[in-house]
Amino acid sequence: MNFNQVGNGTSHEGFCLIKTVEKKLTAKGIPYLDLTLADNDGEINGKFWDYKESPTNEYHNFDFVKVRGSFVPFNDTVQFRVERIRKVLPEDGVRIEDFVPSACLSGEVMLAEILKVVDGFSDNELKLLVSKAIGEYKERLLYWPAAKNLHHAIRSGLLMHTLSIIRLAQGVCKIYGYVNYDLLCAGAILHDIAKIEEIDSAETGIAGEYTVRGNLLGHLVMGAINIDRIGRENGISEETLTLVEHMLISHHGTPEFGAAKLPMFIEAELLSELDLLDARLFEMSHAVNAVEKGQFTPRQWALENRNLYNHGKEKDGQIDLL
């Protein structure tokens, strides 16, 4: 944990995320908090023995807090004994992004680039449809993760994944001139937008549990339902809605992975392939970067149980867009 020592004593303090919190009782019936505290350096179990119950002293999963306490040994490990705890204030001058896994560009920067792409659409129906959809989710888009556990399960991960696919689409359209650029980019922007309703998240950008609708319907179906509603409210033609909705319900490629239909036109196929490419590269990069040069990763169940190899060769000067 990136906590700083306070004075010459054993106390340390710092900012962190409450990953989990549970109110428990001691053997004498006295309440205390059992916490999992986390930052970019790792996580640690914490105990707040002097907890006093009150409406102003409530803490929840994913609260961003400042703590002071001491590290104490416990059963061959180390716990953090909390002496003081409070929620982070604006005057603390700290950013959530510095304490939780986050996209390397801010949500504001990525959303601005995406909106610029939409503004450049020549298809006015697609421009209106995508703009209205973004407008409904704008605030949450800035920090929402793209998944609970797998690819882009980080703060602003949904925008990072979306922007990556748009940039891939821009390259593809330069090679294949017959691809409809507006339609492909519209699908890229909208394909996962219903994850905002599929997964719970706080402003910290850490994914919580799946919602009831998320479990029962999933973001492919929810996305098609929402886009159909938005389109009909704004006079979008049946043809345009049908094309976009097909891209949403088919972007997982096959029924085995949740698609209701196989992709049945070029832009739908491209969206499915680019979605898979970006997701796999993110997971591979994350896994390989966790081991030393010349080492293999543990088996990656989401990647056909492969052991991936870190060859250690650095980038050769290519531009790092994300």
Protein backbone atom coordinates (compact mmCIF):
# COMPACT_ATOMS: atom_id res chain seq x y z
CA MET A 1 0.00 0.00 0.00
CA ASN A 2 1.24 3.48 -0.87
CA PHE A 3 0.83 4.84 2.66
CA ASN A 4 3.23 7.36 4.18
CA GLN A 5 4.70 7.13 7.65
CA VAL A 6 3.37 9.74 10.08
CA GLY A 7 6.16 11.32 12.15
CA ASN A 8 8.60 8.91 13.78
CA GLY A 9 5.98 6.48 15.03
CA THR A 10 4.36 3.39 13.56
CA SER A 11 1.33 5.14 12.12
CA HIS A 12 0.87 5.44 8.36
CA GLU A 13 -1.73 7.29 6.35
CA GLY A 14 -2.84 7.52 2.77
CA PHE A 15 -5.69 7.46 0.29
CA CYS A 16 -7.31 4.24 -0.90
CA LEU A 17 -10.48 2.58 -2.08
CA ILE A 18 -12.73 0.51 0.14
CA LYS A 19 -13.06 -2.60 -1.99
CA THR A 20 -15.29 -4.38 0.52
CA VAL A 21 -16.68 -3.40 3.92
CA GLU A 22 -18.70 -5.43 6.41
CA LYS A 23 -19.95 -4.44 9.84
CA LYS A 24 -19.29 -7.21 12.36
CA LEU A 25 -19.52 -7.72 16.11
CA THR A 26 -16.76 -8.69 18.52
CA ALA A 27 -17.28 -11.52 21.01
CA LYS A 28 -18.56 -8.85 23.40
CA GLY A 29 -21.08 -7.55 20.89
CA ILE A 30 -19.16 -4.38 20.03
CA PRO A 31 -19.41 -3.34 16.35
CA TYR A 32 -16.32 -2.99 14.16
CA LEU A 33 -15.62 -2.72 10.44
CA ASP A 34 -13.87 -5.45 8.47
CA LEU A 35 -12.47 -3.80 5.32
CA THR A 36 -10.51 -4.61 2.22
CA LEU A 37 -8.47 -1.51 1.34
CA ALA A 38 -6.95 -1.20 -2.12
CA ASP A 39 -4.83 1.14 -4.22
CA ASN A 40 -2.65 0.72 -7.30
CA ASP A 41 0.03 -0.96 -5.17
CA GLY A 42 -2.21 -3.74 -3.92
CA GLU A 43 -4.75 -4.45 -1.22
CA ILE A 44 -4.83 -5.29 2.48
CA ASN A 45 -7.35 -6.39 5.06
CA GLY A 46 -8.18 -3.66 7.57
CA LYS A 47 -9.94 -3.60 10.91
CA PHE A 48 -11.57 -0.50 12.38
CA TRP A 49 -12.07 -1.58 15.98
CA ASP A 50 -13.11 1.83 17.29
CA TYR A 51 -15.99 2.20 14.86
CA LYS A 52 -18.91 4.23 16.21
CA GLU A 53 -22.21 3.67 14.46
CA SER A 54 -23.97 6.80 13.21
CA PRO A 55 -25.72 8.02 10.04
CA THR A 56 -22.70 10.21 9.22
CA ASN A 57 -20.22 7.41 9.82
CA GLU A 58 -21.38 4.92 7.17
CA TYR A 59 -18.98 3.41 4.65
CA HIS A 60 -19.73 1.38 1.54
CA ASN A 61 -17.99 -0.67 -1.11
CA PHE A 62 -15.99 1.54 -3.50
CA ASP A 63 -15.91 4.59 -1.22
CA PHE A 64 -12.75 6.65 -1.77
CA VAL A 65 -11.24 7.36 1.66
CA LYS A 66 -8.27 8.67 3.61
CA VAL A 67 -7.10 6.39 6.40
CA ARG A 68 -4.57 6.49 9.20
CA GLY A 69 -3.45 3.47 11.17
CA SER A 70 -0.72 0.90 11.65
CA PHE A 71 0.39 -2.32 10.04
CA VAL A 72 0.15 -5.25 12.44
CA PRO A 73 1.08 -8.93 11.99
CA PHE A 74 -1.79 -11.42 11.96
CA ASN A 75 -1.66 -15.18 11.19
CA ASP A 76 1.46 -15.01 9.00
CA THR A 77 0.16 -11.97 7.14
CA VAL A 78 -0.28 -8.26 7.78
CA GLN A 79 -3.43 -6.32 8.60
CA PHE A 80 -4.00 -2.59 8.73
CA ARG A 81 -5.44 -1.41 12.04
CA VAL A 82 -7.47 1.69 11.21
CA GLU A 83 -7.24 4.54 13.69
CA ARG A 84 -8.97 7.22 11.62
CA ILE A 85 -10.98 7.11 8.42
CA ARG A 86 -12.94 9.66 6.39
CA LYS A 87 -14.16 10.08 2.86
CA VAL A 88 -11.97 12.01 0.44
CA LEU A 89 -12.76 15.72 0.13
CA PRO A 90 -12.27 17.99 -2.92
CA GLU A 91 -9.66 19.99 -1.00
CA ASP A 92 -7.51 16.84 -0.67
CA GLY A 93 -6.50 17.43 -4.29
CA VAL A 94 -6.29 13.75 -5.22
CA ARG A 95 -7.70 11.95 -8.27
CA ILE A 96 -9.51 8.63 -8.21
CA GLU A 97 -7.55 7.61 -11.33
CA ASP A 98 -4.32 7.57 -9.31
CA PHE A 99 -5.67 4.99 -6.88
CA VAL A 100 -7.66 2.55 -9.02
CA PRO A 101 -6.79 0.84 -12.32
CA SER A 102 -7.80 3.35 -15.00
CA ALA A 103 -7.61 3.99 -18.71
CA CYS A 104 -4.52 5.94 -19.69
CA LEU A 105 -6.65 8.73 -21.15
CA SER A 106 -9.31 10.54 -19.16
CA GLY A 107 -12.96 9.87 -19.85
CA GLU A 108 -13.39 13.50 -20.89
CA VAL A 109 -10.64 13.28 -23.51
CA MET A 110 -11.93 10.02 -24.96
CA LEU A 111 -15.56 11.13 -25.05
CA ALA A 112 -14.57 14.36 -26.80
CA GLU A 113 -12.78 12.36 -29.52
CA ILE A 114 -15.78 10.06 -29.95
CA LEU A 115 -18.18 13.01 -30.20
CA LYS A 116 -15.92 14.52 -32.86
CA VAL A 117 -16.24 11.31 -34.86
CA VAL A 118 -20.03 11.42 -34.55
CA ASP A 119 -20.11 15.06 -35.61
CA GLY A 120 -18.31 14.04 -38.79
CA PHE A 121 -20.95 11.50 -39.84
CA SER A 122 -22.52 12.24 -43.21
CA ASP A 123 -25.50 10.02 -42.37
CA ASN A 124 -27.81 12.34 -40.45
CA GLU A 125 -29.93 9.53 -39.02
CA LEU A 126 -26.92 7.76 -37.55
CA LYS A 127 -25.57 11.07 -36.26
CA LEU A 128 -28.86 11.81 -34.47
CA LEU A 129 -29.29 8.28 -33.11
CA VAL A 130 -25.77 8.01 -31.69
CA SER A 131 -25.83 11.56 -30.30
CA LYS A 132 -29.10 10.93 -28.46
CA ALA A 133 -27.83 7.62 -27.05
CA ILE A 134 -24.59 9.19 -25.81
CA GLY A 135 -26.62 12.01 -24.27
CA GLU A 136 -28.60 9.55 -22.16
CA TYR A 137 -25.47 7.96 -20.70
CA LYS A 138 -22.93 10.80 -20.89
CA GLU A 139 -22.09 11.26 -17.19
CA ARG A 140 -21.69 7.54 -16.48
CA LEU A 141 -19.78 6.92 -19.71
CA LEU A 142 -16.94 9.02 -18.32
CA TYR A 143 -15.98 6.41 -15.73
CA TRP A 144 -17.83 3.16 -16.47
CA PRO A 145 -15.79 -0.06 -16.81
CA ALA A 146 -16.31 -2.33 -19.82
CA ALA A 147 -16.55 -5.53 -17.79
CA LYS A 148 -16.71 -6.95 -14.31
CA ASN A 149 -13.55 -9.08 -14.48
CA LEU A 150 -12.20 -9.46 -18.00
CA HIS A 151 -11.19 -6.98 -20.71
CA HIS A 152 -11.14 -3.28 -19.85
CA ALA A 153 -12.46 -3.88 -16.31
CA ILE A 154 -10.95 -0.53 -15.29
CA ARG A 155 -12.14 3.00 -14.70
CA SER A 156 -13.24 4.52 -18.05
CA GLY A 157 -12.64 1.11 -19.63
CA LEU A 158 -15.87 1.26 -21.64
CA LEU A 159 -14.78 4.43 -23.42
CA MET A 160 -11.26 3.07 -23.90
CA HIS A 161 -12.62 -0.08 -25.55
CA THR A 162 -15.04 1.94 -27.68
CA LEU A 163 -12.40 4.41 -28.86
CA SER A 164 -9.96 1.59 -29.66
CA ILE A 165 -12.54 -0.05 -31.93
CA ILE A 166 -13.29 3.29 -33.63
CA ARG A 167 -9.60 3.79 -34.37
CA LEU A 168 -9.33 0.25 -35.70
CA ALA A 169 -12.42 0.91 -37.84
CA GLN A 170 -10.84 4.06 -39.26
CA GLY A 171 -7.84 2.03 -40.39
CA VAL A 172 -9.98 -0.74 -41.85
CA CYS A 173 -12.07 1.73 -43.85
CA LYS A 174 -8.92 3.13 -45.47
CA ILE A 175 -8.14 -0.35 -46.79
CA TYR A 176 -11.64 -1.53 -47.71
CA GLY A 177 -13.34 1.31 -49.50
CA TYR A 178 -16.69 -0.46 -49.71
CA VAL A 179 -17.22 -0.41 -45.91
CA ASN A 180 -19.80 2.09 -44.66
CA TYR A 181 -17.73 4.13 -42.22
CA ASP A 182 -20.65 5.82 -40.43
CA LEU A 183 -22.48 2.54 -39.87
CA LEU A 184 -19.39 0.73 -38.59
CA CYS A 185 -18.49 3.55 -36.19
CA ALA A 186 -22.08 3.86 -35.00
CA GLY A 187 -22.03 0.16 -34.16
CA ALA A 188 -18.69 0.55 -32.39
CA ILE A 189 -20.01 3.38 -30.23
CA LEU A 190 -23.30 1.68 -29.36
CA HIS A 191 -22.36 -2.02 -29.17
CA ASP A 192 -21.53 -2.08 -25.44
CA ILE A 193 -23.32 1.04 -24.21
CA ALA A 194 -25.94 -1.05 -22.36
CA LYS A 195 -23.18 -2.34 -20.08
CA ILE A 196 -23.98 0.80 -18.11
CA GLU A 197 -27.26 -0.89 -17.18
CA GLU A 198 -25.89 -4.45 -17.14
CA ILE A 199 -23.21 -3.88 -14.47
CA ASP A 200 -23.31 -1.78 -11.32
CA SER A 201 -20.46 0.66 -10.76
CA ALA A 202 -19.64 3.64 -8.60
CA GLU A 203 -17.76 6.75 -9.76
CA THR A 204 -14.56 4.93 -8.83
CA GLY A 205 -15.09 2.89 -11.99
CA ILE A 206 -14.80 -0.46 -10.24
CA ALA A 207 -17.45 -2.89 -11.43
CA GLY A 208 -19.85 -4.29 -8.88
CA GLU A 209 -22.40 -7.02 -9.45
CA TYR A 210 -24.60 -7.64 -12.47
CA THR A 211 -28.01 -6.01 -12.26
CA VAL A 212 -31.19 -8.06 -12.40
CA ARG A 213 -31.80 -6.96 -16.02
CA GLY A 214 -28.14 -7.58 -16.78
CA ASN A 215 -28.41 -11.16 -15.58
CA LEU A 216 -31.73 -11.82 -17.27
CA LEU A 217 -31.21 -10.01 -20.58
CA GLY A 218 -27.55 -9.09 -21.06
CA HIS A 219 -26.15 -5.99 -22.74
CA LEU A 220 -26.70 -7.21 -26.33
CA VAL A 221 -30.46 -7.46 -25.93
CA MET A 222 -30.69 -4.47 -23.58
CA GLY A 223 -28.72 -2.39 -26.07
CA ALA A 224 -31.04 -3.29 -28.94
CA ILE A 225 -34.11 -2.51 -26.81
CA ASN A 226 -32.74 0.88 -25.75
CA ILE A 227 -31.60 1.87 -29.24
CA ASP A 228 -34.98 0.89 -30.67
CA ARG A 229 -36.70 3.15 -28.11
CA ILE A 230 -34.33 6.08 -28.70
CA GLY A 231 -34.65 5.69 -32.46
CA ARG A 232 -38.44 5.64 -32.48
CA GLU A 233 -38.60 8.63 -30.15
CA ASN A 234 -36.48 10.57 -32.64
CA GLY A 235 -38.03 9.47 -35.91
CA ILE A 236 -35.20 7.21 -37.08
CA SER A 237 -36.21 5.01 -40.01
CA GLU A 238 -36.97 1.33 -39.62
CA GLU A 239 -34.12 0.42 -41.98
CA THR A 240 -31.47 2.28 -40.00
CA LEU A 241 -32.72 0.93 -36.67
CA THR A 242 -32.77 -2.63 -37.98
CA LEU A 243 -29.17 -2.42 -39.20
CA VAL A 244 -27.87 -0.95 -35.94
CA GLU A 245 -29.87 -3.34 -33.77
CA HIS A 246 -28.56 -6.30 -35.76
CA MET A 247 -24.99 -5.14 -35.13
CA LEU A 248 -25.70 -4.98 -31.41
CA ILE A 249 -27.28 -8.43 -31.09
CA SER A 250 -24.66 -10.11 -33.32
CA HIS A 251 -21.40 -8.52 -32.15
CA HIS A 252 -20.42 -11.51 -29.99
CA GLY A 253 -20.12 -13.48 -33.20
CA THR A 254 -21.78 -16.80 -32.42
CA PRO A 255 -24.59 -18.07 -30.17
CA GLU A 256 -21.93 -19.85 -28.10
CA PHE A 257 -20.76 -16.43 -26.91
CA GLY A 258 -24.19 -14.85 -26.57
CA ALA A 259 -24.98 -13.55 -30.05
CA ALA A 260 -28.65 -13.80 -30.99
CA LYS A 261 -27.73 -13.83 -34.69
CA LEU A 262 -24.56 -14.40 -36.70
CA PRO A 263 -23.33 -11.14 -38.29
CA MET A 264 -25.15 -10.88 -41.62
CA PHE A 265 -23.57 -7.88 -43.36
CA ILE A 266 -20.04 -6.53 -43.70
CA GLU A 267 -20.11 -3.84 -41.00
CA ALA A 268 -21.67 -6.28 -38.51
CA GLU A 269 -18.92 -8.81 -39.23
CA LEU A 270 -16.23 -6.17 -38.88
CA LEU A 271 -17.64 -4.93 -35.58
CA SER A 272 -17.63 -8.47 -34.19
CA GLU A 273 -14.03 -9.10 -35.32
CA LEU A 274 -12.71 -5.74 -34.09
CA ASP A 275 -14.48 -6.17 -30.75
CA LEU A 276 -12.85 -9.56 -30.28
CA LEU A 277 -9.44 -8.27 -31.40
CA ASP A 278 -9.43 -5.36 -28.95
CA ALA A 279 -10.68 -7.50 -26.05
CA ARG A 280 -8.08 -10.22 -26.65
CA LEU A 281 -5.16 -7.82 -27.05
CA PHE A 282 -6.08 -6.05 -23.81
CA GLU A 283 -6.20 -9.34 -21.91
CA MET A 284 -2.98 -10.62 -23.47
CA SER A 285 -1.13 -7.39 -22.73
CA HIS A 286 -2.38 -7.35 -19.14
CA ALA A 287 -1.32 -10.96 -18.57
CA VAL A 288 2.11 -10.69 -20.23
CA ASN A 289 3.00 -7.47 -18.42
CA ALA A 290 2.46 -9.26 -15.10
CA VAL A 291 5.44 -11.63 -15.65
CA GLU A 292 9.13 -11.05 -16.23
CA LYS A 293 10.89 -11.14 -19.59
CA GLY A 294 11.43 -14.73 -20.72
CA GLN A 295 8.65 -16.07 -18.51
CA PHE A 296 5.27 -17.62 -19.32
CA THR A 297 2.04 -16.49 -17.73
CA PRO A 298 -0.23 -18.85 -15.81
CA ARG A 299 -2.91 -20.40 -18.00
CA GLN A 300 -5.39 -17.77 -19.19
CA TRP A 301 -8.82 -19.40 -19.12
CA ALA A 302 -10.38 -16.59 -21.17
CA LEU A 303 -7.78 -17.21 -23.89
CA GLU A 304 -8.24 -20.95 -24.45
CA ASN A 305 -6.13 -21.75 -21.36
CA ARG A 306 -2.96 -20.60 -23.09
CA ASN A 307 0.31 -19.86 -21.29
CA LEU A 308 1.44 -16.58 -22.87
CA TYR A 309 5.10 -15.71 -23.34
CA ASN A 310 6.73 -12.38 -22.48
CA HIS A 311 9.41 -12.00 -25.16
CA GLY A 312 10.49 -8.68 -23.66
CA LYS A 313 10.93 -6.90 -26.97
CA GLU A 314 9.98 -3.26 -26.63
CA LYS A 315 7.89 -1.22 -29.01
CA ASP A 316 9.74 -0.17 -32.14
CA GLY A 317 8.69 3.45 -32.21
CA GLN A 318 5.06 2.97 -33.17
CA ILE A 319 2.67 5.60 -31.84
CA ASP A 320 0.88 4.55 -28.65
CA LEU A 321 -2.65 5.83 -29.24
CA LEU A 322 -4.09 4.47 -25.97
